[in-house]
Protein backbone atom coordinates (compact mmCIF):
# COMPACT_ATOMS: atom_id res chain seq x y z
CA MET A 1 -9.10 -21.34 23.14
CA GLN A 2 -5.80 -19.83 22.16
CA ALA A 3 -3.48 -19.94 19.17
CA GLU A 4 0.10 -19.06 18.41
CA ILE A 5 1.40 -17.90 15.04
CA ILE A 6 4.97 -18.87 14.12
CA THR A 7 6.53 -17.23 11.08
CA ILE A 8 9.63 -18.86 9.65
CA GLY A 9 12.13 -16.92 7.57
CA ASP A 10 15.30 -14.89 7.94
CA GLU A 11 13.81 -12.26 5.63
CA ILE A 12 11.41 -11.19 8.39
CA LEU A 13 14.06 -11.00 11.08
CA ILE A 14 16.40 -8.84 9.00
CA GLY A 15 13.60 -6.45 8.07
CA GLN A 16 13.59 -7.37 4.39
CA ILE A 17 9.84 -7.95 4.43
CA VAL A 18 7.05 -6.98 6.82
CA ASP A 19 5.09 -9.80 8.45
CA THR A 20 1.59 -9.07 7.15
CA ASN A 21 0.62 -12.76 7.35
CA SER A 22 0.35 -12.73 11.13
CA ALA A 23 -1.88 -9.65 11.13
CA PHE A 24 -4.23 -11.31 8.65
CA ILE A 25 -4.37 -14.60 10.55
CA ALA A 26 -4.93 -12.86 13.90
CA GLU A 27 -7.80 -10.84 12.45
CA GLU A 28 -9.46 -13.89 10.92
CA PHE A 29 -9.07 -15.92 14.12
CA ASN A 30 -10.55 -13.13 16.18
CA LYS A 31 -13.68 -13.27 14.02
CA ILE A 32 -14.30 -16.89 15.02
CA GLY A 33 -13.47 -16.51 18.72
CA LEU A 34 -9.93 -17.91 18.63
CA SER A 35 -7.57 -15.68 20.64
CA VAL A 36 -3.97 -15.28 19.53
CA TYR A 37 -1.75 -15.81 22.57
CA GLN A 38 1.56 -15.03 20.89
CA ILE A 39 3.22 -14.29 17.55
CA THR A 40 6.75 -15.64 17.12
CA SER A 41 9.24 -15.14 14.30
CA VAL A 42 12.11 -17.62 13.94
CA GLN A 43 15.07 -18.18 11.66
CA ASP A 44 15.31 -20.86 8.98
CA ASP A 45 17.11 -22.94 11.59
CA ARG A 46 16.17 -26.45 12.69
CA LEU A 47 16.86 -25.99 16.42
CA HIS A 48 15.16 -22.61 16.53
CA ILE A 49 12.04 -24.03 14.87
CA LEU A 50 11.96 -27.08 17.16
CA GLN A 51 12.22 -24.88 20.23
CA ALA A 52 9.41 -22.64 19.00
CA LEU A 53 7.15 -25.64 18.35
CA GLU A 54 7.85 -27.08 21.80
CA ASN A 55 7.15 -23.78 23.55
CA ALA A 56 3.95 -23.22 21.60
CA GLU A 57 2.57 -26.66 22.42
CA LYS A 58 2.82 -25.86 26.13
CA ASN A 59 0.67 -22.74 25.82
CA VAL A 60 -1.95 -23.01 23.09
CA ASP A 61 -4.49 -25.23 21.38
CA VAL A 62 -3.66 -24.29 17.77
CA VAL A 63 -0.26 -23.48 16.26
CA ILE A 64 -0.17 -21.84 12.84
CA ILE A 65 3.19 -21.98 11.02
CA THR A 66 3.83 -19.93 7.89
CA GLY A 67 6.87 -20.07 5.62
CA GLY A 68 9.72 -22.44 4.90
CA LEU A 69 7.83 -24.68 2.45
CA GLY A 70 9.52 -23.71 -0.83
CA PRO A 71 11.63 -25.90 -3.14
CA THR A 72 14.99 -24.62 -1.89
CA LYS A 73 17.51 -25.99 0.59
CA ASP A 74 16.80 -23.33 3.21
CA ASP A 75 13.12 -24.34 3.36
CA ILE A 76 13.32 -26.95 6.12
CA THR A 77 9.89 -26.77 7.74
CA LYS A 78 8.61 -30.15 6.54
CA HIS A 79 11.77 -31.96 7.65
CA THR A 80 11.67 -30.26 11.04
CA LEU A 81 8.00 -31.16 11.52
CA CYS A 82 8.87 -34.78 10.76
CA GLU A 83 11.56 -34.66 13.43
CA TYR A 84 9.18 -33.06 15.95
CA PHE A 85 6.43 -35.63 15.29
CA ASN A 86 8.81 -38.60 14.86
CA ASP A 87 7.49 -38.97 11.32
CA TYR A 88 8.76 -39.36 7.75
CA LEU A 89 7.98 -37.78 4.39
CA LYS A 90 5.62 -39.59 2.04
CA GLN A 91 4.57 -38.64 -1.47
CA ASP A 92 1.03 -37.31 -1.93
CA ASP A 93 0.09 -38.32 -5.48
CA ALA A 94 -2.70 -35.72 -5.75
CA VAL A 95 -0.31 -32.94 -4.83
CA LEU A 96 2.31 -34.21 -7.31
CA LYS A 97 -0.28 -34.23 -10.09
CA HIS A 98 -1.24 -30.66 -9.19
CA VAL A 99 2.41 -29.54 -9.31
CA GLU A 100 2.87 -31.18 -12.71
CA GLU A 101 -0.26 -29.48 -14.04
CA ILE A 102 0.88 -26.05 -12.84
CA PHE A 103 4.28 -26.42 -14.51
CA ALA A 104 2.73 -27.66 -17.73
CA LYS A 105 0.30 -24.75 -17.83
CA TYR A 106 2.31 -21.82 -16.55
CA SER A 107 6.04 -22.58 -16.86
CA ASP A 108 8.49 -23.08 -19.69
CA ARG A 109 11.04 -24.59 -17.30
CA PRO A 110 11.40 -28.35 -16.85
CA LEU A 111 9.94 -29.92 -13.71
CA LEU A 112 12.91 -30.55 -11.42
CA GLN A 113 13.15 -33.00 -8.57
CA VAL A 114 13.00 -30.16 -6.03
CA ASN A 115 9.63 -29.21 -7.51
CA LYS A 116 8.38 -32.78 -7.33
CA ASP A 117 9.50 -32.85 -3.71
CA GLN A 118 6.78 -30.32 -2.93
CA ALA A 119 4.49 -33.37 -2.90
CA LEU A 120 6.46 -35.00 -0.06
CA LEU A 121 4.50 -34.49 3.16
CA PRO A 122 4.71 -35.92 6.69
CA SER A 123 2.80 -39.21 6.65
CA LYS A 124 0.78 -38.21 9.73
CA ALA A 125 -0.36 -34.92 8.17
CA THR A 126 -3.74 -34.18 6.65
CA THR A 127 -3.14 -32.40 3.36
CA LEU A 128 -4.65 -28.95 2.92
CA PHE A 129 -4.74 -28.67 -0.86
CA ASN A 130 -3.29 -25.40 -2.17
CA GLU A 131 -5.11 -24.45 -5.36
CA GLN A 132 -3.08 -21.22 -5.62
CA GLY A 133 0.43 -22.74 -5.60
CA THR A 134 2.61 -25.82 -5.39
CA ALA A 135 3.20 -26.01 -1.62
CA PRO A 136 0.25 -27.61 0.20
CA GLY A 137 -0.77 -26.87 3.75
CA MET A 138 -0.48 -29.55 6.44
CA TRP A 139 -2.68 -30.26 9.47
CA MET A 140 -1.11 -32.35 12.27
CA LYS A 141 -2.10 -33.12 15.84
CA SER A 142 0.27 -33.85 18.72
CA LYS A 143 -0.21 -36.37 21.53
CA SER A 144 -1.42 -33.50 23.72
CA ASN A 145 -4.10 -32.75 21.08
CA THR A 146 -2.48 -29.48 20.06
CA VAL A 147 -3.18 -28.81 16.39
CA PHE A 148 -0.23 -27.76 14.23
CA VAL A 149 -1.02 -26.22 10.84
CA SER A 150 1.82 -25.47 8.42
CA LEU A 151 1.08 -23.08 5.55
CA PRO A 152 3.09 -21.51 2.71
CA GLY A 153 4.33 -18.02 3.41
CA VAL A 154 3.18 -16.53 0.09
CA PRO A 155 0.36 -14.22 1.30
CA PHE A 156 -2.31 -14.95 -1.32
CA GLU A 157 -1.76 -18.71 -0.97
CA MET A 158 -1.84 -18.53 2.83
CA LYS A 159 -4.99 -16.38 2.87
CA ALA A 160 -6.92 -18.77 0.63
CA LEU A 161 -5.95 -21.74 2.79
CA ILE A 162 -6.88 -19.95 6.02
CA LYS A 163 -10.30 -18.90 4.77
CA ASN A 164 -11.26 -21.96 2.75
CA GLN A 165 -9.75 -24.81 4.75
CA VAL A 166 -8.15 -23.94 8.09
CA ILE A 167 -10.98 -21.91 9.63
CA PRO A 168 -13.77 -24.33 8.60
CA LYS A 169 -11.74 -27.24 10.00
CA ILE A 170 -11.07 -25.43 13.30
CA GLN A 171 -14.74 -24.57 13.63
CA SER A 172 -15.74 -28.19 13.02
CA GLU A 173 -13.31 -29.61 15.59
CA PHE A 174 -13.54 -27.06 18.43
CA LYS A 175 -16.29 -25.30 20.36
CA LEU A 176 -15.36 -21.64 20.17
CA PRO A 177 -16.58 -18.72 22.30
CA PHE A 178 -17.94 -15.48 20.89
CA ILE A 179 -15.48 -12.57 20.97
CA LEU A 180 -16.51 -8.96 20.46
CA HIS A 181 -14.30 -5.90 20.09
CA LYS A 182 -15.77 -2.44 19.88
CA THR A 183 -13.49 0.56 19.44
CA ILE A 184 -14.40 4.17 20.09
CA VAL A 185 -12.26 6.80 18.35
CA THR A 186 -11.44 10.06 20.14
CA TYR A 187 -9.53 13.12 18.97
CA GLY A 188 -8.00 16.14 20.65
CA VAL A 189 -7.35 14.70 24.12
CA GLY A 190 -4.29 12.85 25.39
CA GLU A 191 -4.24 9.32 26.78
CA SER A 192 -3.59 10.31 30.41
CA ALA A 193 -6.27 13.02 30.42
CA LEU A 194 -8.75 10.61 28.84
CA ALA A 195 -7.93 7.91 31.38
CA ALA A 196 -8.55 10.33 34.25
CA GLN A 197 -11.87 11.38 32.74
CA ILE A 198 -13.22 7.80 32.51
CA GLU A 199 -11.44 6.28 35.52
CA ASP A 200 -14.58 5.61 37.61
CA TRP A 201 -16.38 4.02 34.67
CA GLU A 202 -13.35 1.85 33.82
CA ASN A 203 -13.03 0.64 37.41
CA GLN A 204 -16.65 -0.57 37.34
CA LEU A 205 -16.41 -2.58 34.11
CA PRO A 206 -17.69 -6.17 34.41
CA ALA A 207 -14.97 -8.81 34.76
CA HIS A 208 -15.58 -10.21 31.25
CA ILE A 209 -15.09 -6.82 29.59
CA SER A 210 -11.63 -5.27 29.27
CA LEU A 211 -10.48 -1.86 28.04
CA ALA A 212 -7.36 -1.02 26.04
CA TYR A 213 -5.96 2.40 25.18
CA LEU A 214 -4.57 2.66 21.64
CA PRO A 215 -2.94 6.09 21.23
CA SER A 216 -1.73 7.52 17.93
CA LEU A 217 -0.88 10.99 16.66
CA GLY A 218 -3.70 13.28 17.80
CA SER A 219 -6.04 10.40 18.55
CA VAL A 220 -6.77 7.75 21.17
CA ARG A 221 -8.83 4.67 20.39
CA LEU A 222 -10.62 2.96 23.26
CA ARG A 223 -11.16 -0.73 22.58
CA LEU A 224 -13.63 -2.71 24.64
CA SER A 225 -13.20 -6.49 24.40
CA ALA A 226 -15.54 -9.16 25.72
CA LYS A 227 -15.81 -12.92 25.45
CA GLY A 228 -18.66 -15.30 26.23
CA ASP A 229 -20.70 -18.27 25.09
CA SER A 230 -23.74 -16.19 24.16
CA LYS A 231 -23.41 -13.71 21.30
CA GLU A 232 -26.57 -11.92 22.37
CA ALA A 233 -25.43 -11.51 25.98
CA VAL A 234 -21.98 -10.26 25.01
CA ASN A 235 -23.43 -7.74 22.57
CA LYS A 236 -25.89 -6.49 25.17
CA ASP A 237 -23.22 -6.04 27.86
CA VAL A 238 -20.77 -4.26 25.60
CA ASN A 239 -23.37 -1.96 24.09
CA LEU A 240 -24.47 -0.94 27.59
CA GLU A 241 -20.91 0.01 28.52
CA VAL A 242 -20.39 1.85 25.23
CA LYS A 243 -23.50 3.91 25.96
CA LYS A 244 -22.11 4.86 29.37
CA LEU A 245 -18.77 5.74 27.78
CA TYR A 246 -20.35 8.01 25.17
CA GLU A 247 -22.09 9.93 27.93
CA LEU A 248 -18.70 10.70 29.50
CA ILE A 249 -16.70 11.62 26.38
CA SER A 250 -19.22 12.69 23.75
CA ASP A 251 -17.37 15.96 23.24
CA VAL A 252 -14.22 14.21 21.95
CA THR A 253 -15.77 11.15 20.28
CA TYR A 254 -15.88 11.01 16.49
CA GLY A 255 -16.98 7.51 15.64
CA GLU A 256 -16.08 3.86 15.97
CA GLU A 257 -13.30 1.63 14.64
CA GLY A 258 -12.90 1.72 10.89
CA GLU A 259 -14.11 5.31 10.71
CA ASP A 260 -11.34 7.89 10.87
CA ILE A 261 -12.01 11.58 11.58
CA HIS A 262 -11.67 12.48 7.89
CA GLU A 263 -14.33 9.89 7.05
CA VAL A 264 -16.65 11.51 9.57
CA VAL A 265 -16.04 14.87 7.88
CA VAL A 266 -16.71 13.38 4.45
CA LYS A 267 -20.04 11.96 5.64
CA LEU A 268 -21.04 15.34 7.01
CA LEU A 269 -20.14 17.12 3.77
CA LYS A 270 -22.11 14.60 1.72
CA SER A 271 -25.13 14.68 4.02
CA LYS A 272 -25.26 18.50 3.88
CA ASN A 273 -24.42 18.64 0.15
CA MET A 274 -21.51 20.99 0.85
CA THR A 275 -17.99 21.23 -0.58
CA LEU A 276 -14.43 21.63 0.68
CA ALA A 277 -11.16 23.11 -0.56
CA THR A 278 -7.73 23.07 1.10
CA ALA A 279 -4.64 25.25 1.15
CA GLU A 280 -1.66 23.44 2.64
CA SER A 281 1.81 24.63 3.48
CA PHE A 282 3.86 22.42 5.84
CA THR A 283 1.35 19.53 5.57
CA GLY A 284 2.31 19.29 1.90
CA GLY A 285 -0.93 17.81 0.57
CA SER A 286 -1.44 15.29 3.38
CA ILE A 287 -4.96 16.58 4.06
CA ALA A 288 -5.84 16.34 0.38
CA SER A 289 -4.51 12.78 0.11
CA LYS A 290 -6.72 11.67 3.01
CA ILE A 291 -9.80 13.05 1.29
CA THR A 292 -9.04 11.72 -2.20
CA ALA A 293 -8.03 8.23 -1.03
CA LYS A 294 -11.55 7.01 -1.73
CA PRO A 295 -13.28 7.21 -5.12
CA GLY A 296 -16.04 9.74 -5.60
CA SER A 297 -14.41 12.54 -3.61
CA SER A 298 -14.90 14.99 -6.47
CA ALA A 299 -18.54 15.23 -5.39
CA TYR A 300 -17.57 17.19 -2.28
CA TYR A 301 -13.89 18.11 -2.69
CA LYS A 302 -12.87 20.95 -5.00
CA GLY A 303 -9.09 20.62 -4.74
CA THR A 304 -6.02 21.99 -3.01
CA VAL A 305 -3.26 24.53 -3.36
CA VAL A 306 -0.02 23.26 -1.83
CA SER A 307 1.60 26.64 -1.23
CA TYR A 308 4.75 25.29 0.37
CA ALA A 309 6.96 28.26 -0.49
CA THR A 310 6.19 31.85 0.47
CA GLU A 311 6.12 32.81 -3.20
CA ALA A 312 3.25 30.39 -3.82
CA LYS A 313 1.23 31.98 -1.04
CA ILE A 314 1.75 35.37 -2.64
CA ASN A 315 1.42 34.46 -6.33
CA VAL A 316 -1.19 31.69 -6.24
CA LEU A 317 -3.26 32.34 -3.12
CA GLN A 318 -2.90 36.10 -3.47
CA ILE A 319 -1.81 36.67 0.14
CA PRO A 320 -0.74 40.34 0.34
CA GLU A 321 3.00 40.62 0.80
CA GLU A 322 2.57 43.24 3.52
CA ILE A 323 0.61 40.75 5.68
CA ILE A 324 3.43 38.22 5.42
CA ASN A 325 6.08 40.86 6.13
CA THR A 326 4.17 42.24 9.11
CA TYR A 327 3.01 39.04 10.80
CA SER A 328 5.34 36.27 9.41
CA VAL A 329 4.39 33.50 7.04
CA VAL A 330 3.48 31.35 10.07
CA SER A 331 0.74 33.42 11.66
CA LYS A 332 -2.96 33.70 12.35
CA GLN A 333 -3.33 36.43 9.75
CA VAL A 334 -1.69 34.43 6.96
CA VAL A 335 -3.47 31.13 7.65
CA GLU A 336 -6.87 32.84 7.74
CA ALA A 337 -6.12 34.59 4.46
CA MET A 338 -5.08 31.27 2.95
CA ALA A 339 -8.37 29.65 3.99
CA LEU A 340 -10.55 32.50 2.75
CA ASN A 341 -8.71 32.86 -0.54
CA VAL A 342 -8.68 29.16 -1.46
CA LYS A 343 -12.37 28.94 -0.56
CA LYS A 344 -13.06 31.78 -3.00
CA LEU A 345 -10.61 30.53 -5.62
CA LEU A 346 -12.17 27.06 -5.79
CA ASN A 347 -15.75 28.16 -4.99
CA ALA A 348 -16.18 25.84 -1.98
CA ASP A 349 -18.43 26.03 1.07
CA PHE A 350 -15.60 25.26 3.50
CA ALA A 351 -11.81 25.46 3.37
CA ILE A 352 -8.96 24.23 5.55
CA ALA A 353 -5.60 25.99 5.61
CA THR A 354 -2.35 25.10 7.38
CA THR A 355 0.88 26.97 7.93
CA GLY A 356 3.61 26.19 10.42
CA ASN A 357 7.11 24.98 11.17
CA ALA A 358 7.40 21.20 10.92
CA GLY A 359 11.19 21.40 11.28
CA PRO A 360 13.98 20.73 11.50
CA GLU A 361 14.69 24.35 10.45
CA LYS A 362 12.53 27.43 11.02
CA GLY A 363 12.28 28.31 7.35
CA ASP A 364 10.80 31.70 6.44
CA SER A 365 9.13 32.41 9.79
CA ASN A 366 10.00 33.51 13.30
CA GLU A 367 7.91 30.83 15.02
CA GLU A 368 9.52 27.87 16.77
CA VAL A 369 9.62 24.36 15.29
CA GLY A 370 6.32 22.66 16.05
CA ASP A 371 4.29 25.88 16.08
CA VAL A 372 1.42 25.64 13.60
CA PHE A 373 -1.70 27.58 12.67
CA ILE A 374 -4.81 25.91 11.29
CA ALA A 375 -7.76 27.81 9.87
CA VAL A 376 -11.24 26.82 8.74
CA ALA A 377 -13.18 29.13 6.44
CA THR A 378 -16.95 28.63 6.61
CA PRO A 379 -19.93 30.07 4.73
CA SER A 380 -20.08 32.83 7.34
CA GLY A 381 -16.45 33.62 8.20
CA VAL A 382 -13.11 32.16 9.25
CA TYR A 383 -11.77 30.60 12.44
CA SER A 384 -8.19 29.67 13.37
CA GLU A 385 -6.14 28.28 16.25
CA GLN A 386 -2.46 28.04 17.08
CA PHE A 387 -0.98 24.74 18.29
CA LYS A 388 2.34 23.44 19.53
CA MET A 389 2.81 20.00 17.95
CA GLY A 390 6.27 19.00 19.25
CA THR A 391 9.58 18.87 17.45
CA GLN A 392 9.48 15.65 15.41
CA ARG A 393 8.59 16.48 11.82
CA GLU A 394 6.38 13.47 11.10
CA ARG A 395 4.47 13.91 14.35
CA VAL A 396 3.95 17.60 13.69
CA VAL A 397 2.46 16.90 10.26
CA GLN A 398 0.25 13.97 11.24
CA ARG A 399 -1.08 15.56 14.41
CA SER A 400 -1.86 18.73 12.47
CA VAL A 401 -3.75 16.80 9.78
CA ASN A 402 -5.93 15.16 12.43
CA LYS A 403 -6.46 18.47 14.22
CA ALA A 404 -7.48 20.17 10.97
CA PHE A 405 -10.23 17.60 10.38
CA GLU A 406 -11.29 17.90 14.01
CA LEU A 407 -11.72 21.68 13.71
CA LEU A 408 -13.54 21.33 10.40
CA GLU A 409 -15.94 18.75 11.81
CA LYS A 410 -16.97 21.10 14.61
CA GLU A 411 -17.54 23.96 12.18
CA ILE A 412 -19.60 21.85 9.74
CA LEU A 413 -21.92 20.84 12.59
CA ASN A 414 -22.86 24.52 13.01
CA PHE A 415 -24.47 24.59 9.56
């Protein structure tokens, strides 16, 4: 079975808001075995909406429409649905009572006719009662048995309707397959190199299992997807292929979907009862923010020194001025001194340090834009590497953050 999501609203198409509704719906549908065939965004325009509905009916079993159900003139979804289904609007007394109760309880404004009109629904529609707002959802079925579900665009209203009414109704009316996605997270190897390394295994995947490459800065996620009638059989087949995959790329694998490299590092620190400090220059606290994003990080994280300027490296981290003058602020010698000194300053077991040129200017060093040094101080010494991270500032920073955690993870495993 397949579904299409249609979002209605000029605000999406002009970039005024981000369409988070579609991502939520797609994720929830995937959990129940309903594949999303396409996501379409259309204007608040009658002809555009009609065309989108017609195209969707040709391709999918379920069409989810969000938006265009408010009490203003530009919200035309209900009228357009009536036109598409050769229907008319009819008052739903239960919805009208609900609207009146909401206004009486939460609003000082008088109940206008446009608010009462929220209770006007296509006569052929099954009402999906919206306890969170005034615009109800609507469930309609075409002559071709395609289900059309229209929902308000307000995210918390839409989410409640999807979870509490739409999904149970879909599950009761359709026999759905079991879908499984399993994602392996790798770091430190590019997409093309990874593809070459696992090519033979990929070519021998069973027909019902597919592989997708999902690259990001410093990381590639490998997503295996499978579909079948038997949950047990699908799980068994996918787990077998995952086992084979791990055997090929165990040296660059750091966990599965939902577990980033910094989360792997955090688990290691907690399991070994060890602590971490950081000294960041061009990364500007990005490493620290990753670690402190979750509550309880004070148990294993001592803190950071964001020594962005050379003076901070000298005055706060106590890097000797002669080292900076001799080797440059972006150097192996300086980054290792940063790591060792912040480790001592904050009394931690491990420390990460970064220095480099993120661009667009060289700053206080002689190194080229994109040249970075990352160091890890351990209970027994210090280790550093130099990297060339490109010329785009954001990419340089994000790739370096991932690489720093990657280096730290390897060092922690030695203790």
